[in-house]
Amino acid sequence: SGTFESAATRLPAIAAMGFDVVYLPPIHPIG
């Protein structure tokens, strides 16, 4: 799995495309 830390590296590119909300599916433990 990737992590919150690695996922954060994607945020500048998302913002550069012009998006202002990043939506995450559930981030909880999975059964």
All heavy atoms as atom14 arrays in JSON, in Angstrom:
{
  "sequence": "SGTFESAATRLPAIAAMGFDVVYLPPIHPIG",
  "atom14_mask": [
    [1, 1, 1, 1, 1, 1, 0, 0, 0, 0, 0, 0, 0, 0],
    [1, 1, 1, 1, 0, 0, 0, 0, 0, 0, 0, 0, 0, 0],
    [1, 1, 1, 1, 1, 1, 1, 0, 0, 0, 0, 0, 0, 0],
    [1, 1, 1, 1, 1, 1, 1, 1, 1, 1, 1, 0, 0, 0],
    [1, 1, 1, 1, 1, 1, 1, 1, 1, 0, 0, 0, 0, 0],
    [1, 1, 1, 1, 1, 1, 0, 0, 0, 0, 0, 0, 0, 0],
    [1, 1, 1, 1, 1, 0, 0, 0, 0, 0, 0, 0, 0, 0],
    [1, 1, 1, 1, 1, 0, 0, 0, 0, 0, 0, 0, 0, 0],
    [1, 1, 1, 1, 1, 1, 1, 0, 0, 0, 0, 0, 0, 0],
    [1, 1, 1, 1, 1, 1, 1, 1, 1, 1, 1, 0, 0, 0],
    [1, 1, 1, 1, 1, 1, 1, 1, 0, 0, 0, 0, 0, 0],
    [1, 1, 1, 1, 1, 1, 1, 0, 0, 0, 0, 0, 0, 0],
    [1, 1, 1, 1, 1, 0, 0, 0, 0, 0, 0, 0, 0, 0],
    [1, 1, 1, 1, 1, 1, 1, 1, 0, 0, 0, 0, 0, 0],
    [1, 1, 1, 1, 1, 0, 0, 0, 0, 0, 0, 0, 0, 0],
    [1, 1, 1, 1, 1, 0, 0, 0, 0, 0, 0, 0, 0, 0],
    [1, 1, 1, 1, 1, 1, 1, 1, 0, 0, 0, 0, 0, 0],
    [1, 1, 1, 1, 0, 0, 0, 0, 0, 0, 0, 0, 0, 0],
    [1, 1, 1, 1, 1, 1, 1, 1, 1, 1, 1, 0, 0, 0],
    [1, 1, 1, 1, 1, 1, 1, 1, 0, 0, 0, 0, 0, 0],
    [1, 1, 1, 1, 1, 1, 1, 0, 0, 0, 0, 0, 0, 0],
    [1, 1, 1, 1, 1, 1, 1, 0, 0, 0, 0, 0, 0, 0],
    [1, 1, 1, 1, 1, 1, 1, 1, 1, 1, 1, 1, 0, 0],
    [1, 1, 1, 1, 1, 1, 1, 1, 0, 0, 0, 0, 0, 0],
    [1, 1, 1, 1, 1, 1, 1, 0, 0, 0, 0, 0, 0, 0],
    [1, 1, 1, 1, 1, 1, 1, 0, 0, 0, 0, 0, 0, 0],
    [1, 1, 1, 1, 1, 1, 1, 1, 0, 0, 0, 0, 0, 0],
    [1, 1, 1, 1, 1, 1, 1, 1, 1, 1, 0, 0, 0, 0],
    [1, 1, 1, 1, 1, 1, 1, 0, 0, 0, 0, 0, 0, 0],
    [1, 1, 1, 1, 1, 1, 1, 1, 0, 0, 0, 0, 0, 0],
    [1, 1, 1, 1, 0, 0, 0, 0, 0, 0, 0, 0, 0, 0]
  ],
  "atom14_positions": [
    [[0.82, -1.21, 0.0], [0.0, 0.0, 0.0], [0.85, 1.25, 0.0], [1.92, 1.31, 0.61], [-0.91, 0.01, 1.24], [-1.62, 1.24, 1.33], [0.0, 0.0, 0.0], [0.0, 0.0, 0.0], [0.0, 0.0, 0.0], [0.0, 0.0, 0.0], [0.0, 0.0, 0.0], [0.0, 0.0, 0.0], [0.0, 0.0, 0.0], [0.0, 0.0, 0.0]],
    [[0.35, 2.28, -0.69], [0.87, 3.62, -0.5], [0.41, 4.15, 0.85], [-0.36, 3.51, 1.57], [0.0, 0.0, 0.0], [0.0, 0.0, 0.0], [0.0, 0.0, 0.0], [0.0, 0.0, 0.0], [0.0, 0.0, 0.0], [0.0, 0.0, 0.0], [0.0, 0.0, 0.0], [0.0, 0.0, 0.0], [0.0, 0.0, 0.0], [0.0, 0.0, 0.0]],
    [[0.88, 5.31, 1.21], [0.6, 5.9, 2.52], [0.06, 7.31, 2.34], [0.06, 7.87, 1.23], [1.87, 5.95, 3.37], [2.81, 6.84, 2.73], [2.5, 4.57, 3.52], [0.0, 0.0, 0.0], [0.0, 0.0, 0.0], [0.0, 0.0, 0.0], [0.0, 0.0, 0.0], [0.0, 0.0, 0.0], [0.0, 0.0, 0.0], [0.0, 0.0, 0.0]],
    [[-0.39, 7.89, 3.45], [-0.78, 9.29, 3.4], [0.39, 10.16, 2.95], [0.21, 11.14, 2.21], [-1.28, 9.76, 4.77], [-2.6, 9.2, 5.18], [-2.77, 8.56, 6.39], [-3.7, 9.32, 4.34], [-3.99, 8.05, 6.78], [-4.94, 8.81, 4.71], [-5.09, 8.17, 5.93], [0.0, 0.0, 0.0], [0.0, 0.0, 0.0], [0.0, 0.0, 0.0]],
    [[1.57, 9.8, 3.38], [2.75, 10.59, 3.02], [3.01, 10.52, 1.52], [3.27, 11.54, 0.87], [3.97, 10.1, 3.8], [5.23, 10.91, 3.52], [6.42, 10.45, 4.33], [6.31, 9.42, 5.03], [7.48, 11.12, 4.26], [0.0, 0.0, 0.0], [0.0, 0.0, 0.0], [0.0, 0.0, 0.0], [0.0, 0.0, 0.0], [0.0, 0.0, 0.0]],
    [[2.93, 9.31, 0.94], [3.16, 9.21, -0.5], [2.0, 9.83, -1.28], [2.21, 10.45, -2.33], [3.35, 7.75, -0.9], [2.19, 6.96, -0.63], [0.0, 0.0, 0.0], [0.0, 0.0, 0.0], [0.0, 0.0, 0.0], [0.0, 0.0, 0.0], [0.0, 0.0, 0.0], [0.0, 0.0, 0.0], [0.0, 0.0, 0.0], [0.0, 0.0, 0.0]],
    [[0.8, 9.69, -0.76], [-0.36, 10.29, -1.45], [-0.26, 11.8, -1.48], [-0.71, 12.45, -2.44], [-1.65, 9.86, -0.76], [0.0, 0.0, 0.0], [0.0, 0.0, 0.0], [0.0, 0.0, 0.0], [0.0, 0.0, 0.0], [0.0, 0.0, 0.0], [0.0, 0.0, 0.0], [0.0, 0.0, 0.0], [0.0, 0.0, 0.0], [0.0, 0.0, 0.0]],
    [[0.35, 12.38, -0.46], [0.48, 13.84, -0.41], [1.35, 14.36, -1.55], [1.2, 15.53, -1.95], [1.05, 14.27, 0.93], [0.0, 0.0, 0.0], [0.0, 0.0, 0.0], [0.0, 0.0, 0.0], [0.0, 0.0, 0.0], [0.0, 0.0, 0.0], [0.0, 0.0, 0.0], [0.0, 0.0, 0.0], [0.0, 0.0, 0.0], [0.0, 0.0, 0.0]],
    [[2.22, 13.53, -2.08], [3.07, 13.99, -3.18], [2.26, 14.25, -4.45], [2.72, 14.94, -5.36], [4.17, 12.97, -3.49], [3.57, 11.74, -3.95], [5.01, 12.69, -2.25], [0.0, 0.0, 0.0], [0.0, 0.0, 0.0], [0.0, 0.0, 0.0], [0.0, 0.0, 0.0], [0.0, 0.0, 0.0], [0.0, 0.0, 0.0], [0.0, 0.0, 0.0]],
    [[1.07, 13.7, -4.52], [0.2, 13.87, -5.69], [-0.61, 15.17, -5.61], [-1.12, 15.65, -6.63], [-0.74, 12.66, -5.76], [-1.73, 12.67, -6.89], [-1.12, 12.29, -8.21], [-2.11, 12.38, -9.28], [-1.93, 13.0, -10.43], [-0.78, 13.57, -10.7], [-2.88, 13.02, -11.34], [0.0, 0.0, 0.0], [0.0, 0.0, 0.0], [0.0, 0.0, 0.0]],
    [[-0.71, 15.76, -4.43], [-1.59, 16.91, -4.24], [-1.21, 18.12, -5.09], [-2.11, 18.76, -5.67], [-1.62, 17.29, -2.76], [-2.29, 16.26, -1.84], [-2.09, 16.64, -0.37], [-3.78, 16.15, -2.16], [0.0, 0.0, 0.0], [0.0, 0.0, 0.0], [0.0, 0.0, 0.0], [0.0, 0.0, 0.0], [0.0, 0.0, 0.0], [0.0, 0.0, 0.0]],
    [[0.06, 18.5, -5.21], [0.37, 19.66, -6.05], [-0.06, 19.49, -7.5], [-0.53, 20.45, -8.14], [1.89, 19.79, -5.92], [2.21, 19.17, -4.6], [1.26, 18.02, -4.48], [0.0, 0.0, 0.0], [0.0, 0.0, 0.0], [0.0, 0.0, 0.0], [0.0, 0.0, 0.0], [0.0, 0.0, 0.0], [0.0, 0.0, 0.0], [0.0, 0.0, 0.0]],
    [[0.05, 18.28, -8.04], [-0.36, 18.04, -9.42], [-1.87, 18.15, -9.57], [-2.39, 18.66, -10.57], [0.13, 16.67, -9.89], [0.0, 0.0, 0.0], [0.0, 0.0, 0.0], [0.0, 0.0, 0.0], [0.0, 0.0, 0.0], [0.0, 0.0, 0.0], [0.0, 0.0, 0.0], [0.0, 0.0, 0.0], [0.0, 0.0, 0.0], [0.0, 0.0, 0.0]],
    [[-2.59, 17.65, -8.57], [-4.05, 17.76, -8.59], [-4.47, 19.22, -8.56], [-5.35, 19.67, -9.31], [-4.65, 16.98, -7.41], [-4.4, 15.47, -7.58], [-6.14, 17.26, -7.27], [-4.75, 14.64, -6.37], [0.0, 0.0, 0.0], [0.0, 0.0, 0.0], [0.0, 0.0, 0.0], [0.0, 0.0, 0.0], [0.0, 0.0, 0.0], [0.0, 0.0, 0.0]],
    [[-3.82, 20.0, -7.69], [-4.12, 21.43, -7.62], [-3.74, 22.13, -8.91], [-4.46, 23.02, -9.39], [-3.39, 22.05, -6.43], [0.0, 0.0, 0.0], [0.0, 0.0, 0.0], [0.0, 0.0, 0.0], [0.0, 0.0, 0.0], [0.0, 0.0, 0.0], [0.0, 0.0, 0.0], [0.0, 0.0, 0.0], [0.0, 0.0, 0.0], [0.0, 0.0, 0.0]],
    [[-2.61, 21.73, -9.52], [-2.16, 22.37, -10.76], [-3.14, 22.13, -11.9], [-3.26, 22.96, -12.82], [-0.77, 21.87, -11.13], [0.0, 0.0, 0.0], [0.0, 0.0, 0.0], [0.0, 0.0, 0.0], [0.0, 0.0, 0.0], [0.0, 0.0, 0.0], [0.0, 0.0, 0.0], [0.0, 0.0, 0.0], [0.0, 0.0, 0.0], [0.0, 0.0, 0.0]],
    [[-3.85, 21.0, -11.87], [-4.88, 20.75, -12.89], [-6.11, 21.61, -12.68], [-6.97, 21.68, -13.56], [-5.27, 19.26, -12.89], [-4.33, 18.37, -13.66], [-5.03, 16.71, -13.95], [-5.02, 16.04, -12.29], [0.0, 0.0, 0.0], [0.0, 0.0, 0.0], [0.0, 0.0, 0.0], [0.0, 0.0, 0.0], [0.0, 0.0, 0.0], [0.0, 0.0, 0.0]],
    [[-6.22, 22.25, -11.51], [-7.34, 23.14, -11.28], [-8.4, 22.6, -10.35], [-9.48, 23.2, -10.22], [0.0, 0.0, 0.0], [0.0, 0.0, 0.0], [0.0, 0.0, 0.0], [0.0, 0.0, 0.0], [0.0, 0.0, 0.0], [0.0, 0.0, 0.0], [0.0, 0.0, 0.0], [0.0, 0.0, 0.0], [0.0, 0.0, 0.0], [0.0, 0.0, 0.0]],
    [[-8.13, 21.5, -9.67], [-9.11, 20.94, -8.73], [-8.92, 21.56, -7.35], [-7.8, 21.89, -6.94], [-8.98, 19.42, -8.67], [-9.35, 18.75, -9.96], [-8.36, 18.36, -10.86], [-10.68, 18.54, -10.29], [-8.7, 17.77, -12.07], [-11.02, 17.95, -11.49], [-10.03, 17.56, -12.38], [0.0, 0.0, 0.0], [0.0, 0.0, 0.0], [0.0, 0.0, 0.0]],
    [[-10.02, 21.72, -6.64], [-9.96, 22.33, -5.31], [-10.49, 21.44, -4.2], [-10.47, 21.81, -3.04], [-10.66, 23.69, -5.28], [-12.04, 23.67, -5.92], [-12.77, 22.68, -5.72], [-12.38, 24.63, -6.61], [0.0, 0.0, 0.0], [0.0, 0.0, 0.0], [0.0, 0.0, 0.0], [0.0, 0.0, 0.0], [0.0, 0.0, 0.0], [0.0, 0.0, 0.0]],
    [[-10.99, 20.25, -4.55], [-11.41, 19.26, -3.56], [-10.79, 17.93, -3.94], [-10.91, 17.5, -5.09], [-12.94, 19.11, -3.48], [-13.32, 18.01, -2.48], [-13.61, 20.42, -3.08], [0.0, 0.0, 0.0], [0.0, 0.0, 0.0], [0.0, 0.0, 0.0], [0.0, 0.0, 0.0], [0.0, 0.0, 0.0], [0.0, 0.0, 0.0], [0.0, 0.0, 0.0]],
    [[-10.11, 17.27, -3.01], [-9.61, 15.93, -3.24], [-10.41, 14.99, -2.33], [-10.44, 15.15, -1.12], [-8.09, 15.81, -2.98], [-7.72, 16.22, -1.58], [-7.61, 14.4, -3.29], [0.0, 0.0, 0.0], [0.0, 0.0, 0.0], [0.0, 0.0, 0.0], [0.0, 0.0, 0.0], [0.0, 0.0, 0.0], [0.0, 0.0, 0.0], [0.0, 0.0, 0.0]],
    [[-11.11, 14.07, -2.97], [-12.02, 13.17, -2.24], [-11.36, 11.81, -2.07], [-10.9, 11.2, -3.03], [-13.35, 13.07, -2.99], [-14.1, 11.78, -2.76], [-14.37, 11.31, -1.47], [-14.56, 11.01, -3.83], [-15.04, 10.12, -1.25], [-15.23, 9.83, -3.64], [-15.46, 9.38, -2.36], [-16.12, 8.2, -2.15], [0.0, 0.0, 0.0], [0.0, 0.0, 0.0]],
    [[-11.35, 11.33, -0.82], [-10.77, 10.03, -0.49], [-11.88, 9.03, -0.18], [-12.73, 9.29, 0.68], [-9.86, 10.15, 0.73], [-8.77, 11.22, 0.72], [-7.94, 11.12, 2.0], [-7.89, 11.1, -0.51], [0.0, 0.0, 0.0], [0.0, 0.0, 0.0], [0.0, 0.0, 0.0], [0.0, 0.0, 0.0], [0.0, 0.0, 0.0], [0.0, 0.0, 0.0]],
    [[-11.91, 7.87, -0.83], [-12.77, 6.78, -0.38], [-12.4, 6.42, 1.06], [-11.41, 6.92, 1.61], [-12.45, 5.65, -1.36], [-11.91, 6.34, -2.57], [-11.16, 7.53, -2.04], [0.0, 0.0, 0.0], [0.0, 0.0, 0.0], [0.0, 0.0, 0.0], [0.0, 0.0, 0.0], [0.0, 0.0, 0.0], [0.0, 0.0, 0.0], [0.0, 0.0, 0.0]],
    [[-13.16, 5.54, 1.71], [-12.9, 5.26, 3.12], [-11.43, 4.92, 3.38], [-10.81, 4.15, 2.65], [-13.81, 4.06, 3.41], [-14.97, 4.26, 2.47], [-14.35, 4.82, 1.22], [0.0, 0.0, 0.0], [0.0, 0.0, 0.0], [0.0, 0.0, 0.0], [0.0, 0.0, 0.0], [0.0, 0.0, 0.0], [0.0, 0.0, 0.0], [0.0, 0.0, 0.0]],
    [[-10.91, 5.51, 4.44], [-9.49, 5.33, 4.8], [-9.36, 4.47, 6.05], [-8.3, 4.42, 6.66], [-8.83, 6.7, 5.03], [-9.57, 7.47, 6.13], [-8.79, 7.5, 3.73], [-8.88, 8.76, 6.55], [0.0, 0.0, 0.0], [0.0, 0.0, 0.0], [0.0, 0.0, 0.0], [0.0, 0.0, 0.0], [0.0, 0.0, 0.0], [0.0, 0.0, 0.0]],
    [[-10.42, 3.76, 6.42], [-10.45, 3.02, 7.68], [-9.88, 1.6, 7.51], [-9.66, 1.14, 6.38], [-11.91, 2.93, 8.17], [-12.65, 4.22, 8.05], [-12.26, 5.35, 8.71], [-13.76, 4.56, 7.32], [-13.1, 6.34, 8.41], [-14.01, 5.88, 7.57], [0.0, 0.0, 0.0], [0.0, 0.0, 0.0], [0.0, 0.0, 0.0], [0.0, 0.0, 0.0]],
    [[-9.65, 0.9, 8.6], [-9.26, -0.51, 8.5], [-10.28, -1.31, 7.7], [-11.49, -1.02, 7.75], [-9.22, -0.97, 9.97], [-8.96, 0.29, 10.75], [-9.68, 1.37, 10.02], [0.0, 0.0, 0.0], [0.0, 0.0, 0.0], [0.0, 0.0, 0.0], [0.0, 0.0, 0.0], [0.0, 0.0, 0.0], [0.0, 0.0, 0.0], [0.0, 0.0, 0.0]],
    [[-9.8, -2.29, 6.94], [-10.65, -3.11, 6.08], [-10.74, -4.52, 6.65], [-9.73, -5.1, 7.09], [-10.07, -3.15, 4.65], [-10.06, -1.73, 4.06], [-10.87, -4.1, 3.75], [-9.32, -1.63, 2.73], [0.0, 0.0, 0.0], [0.0, 0.0, 0.0], [0.0, 0.0, 0.0], [0.0, 0.0, 0.0], [0.0, 0.0, 0.0], [0.0, 0.0, 0.0]],
    [[-11.94, -5.06, 6.64], [-12.15, -6.38, 7.22], [-11.49, -7.5, 6.43], [-11.16, -7.35, 5.24], [0.0, 0.0, 0.0], [0.0, 0.0, 0.0], [0.0, 0.0, 0.0], [0.0, 0.0, 0.0], [0.0, 0.0, 0.0], [0.0, 0.0, 0.0], [0.0, 0.0, 0.0], [0.0, 0.0, 0.0], [0.0, 0.0, 0.0], [0.0, 0.0, 0.0]]
  ]
}
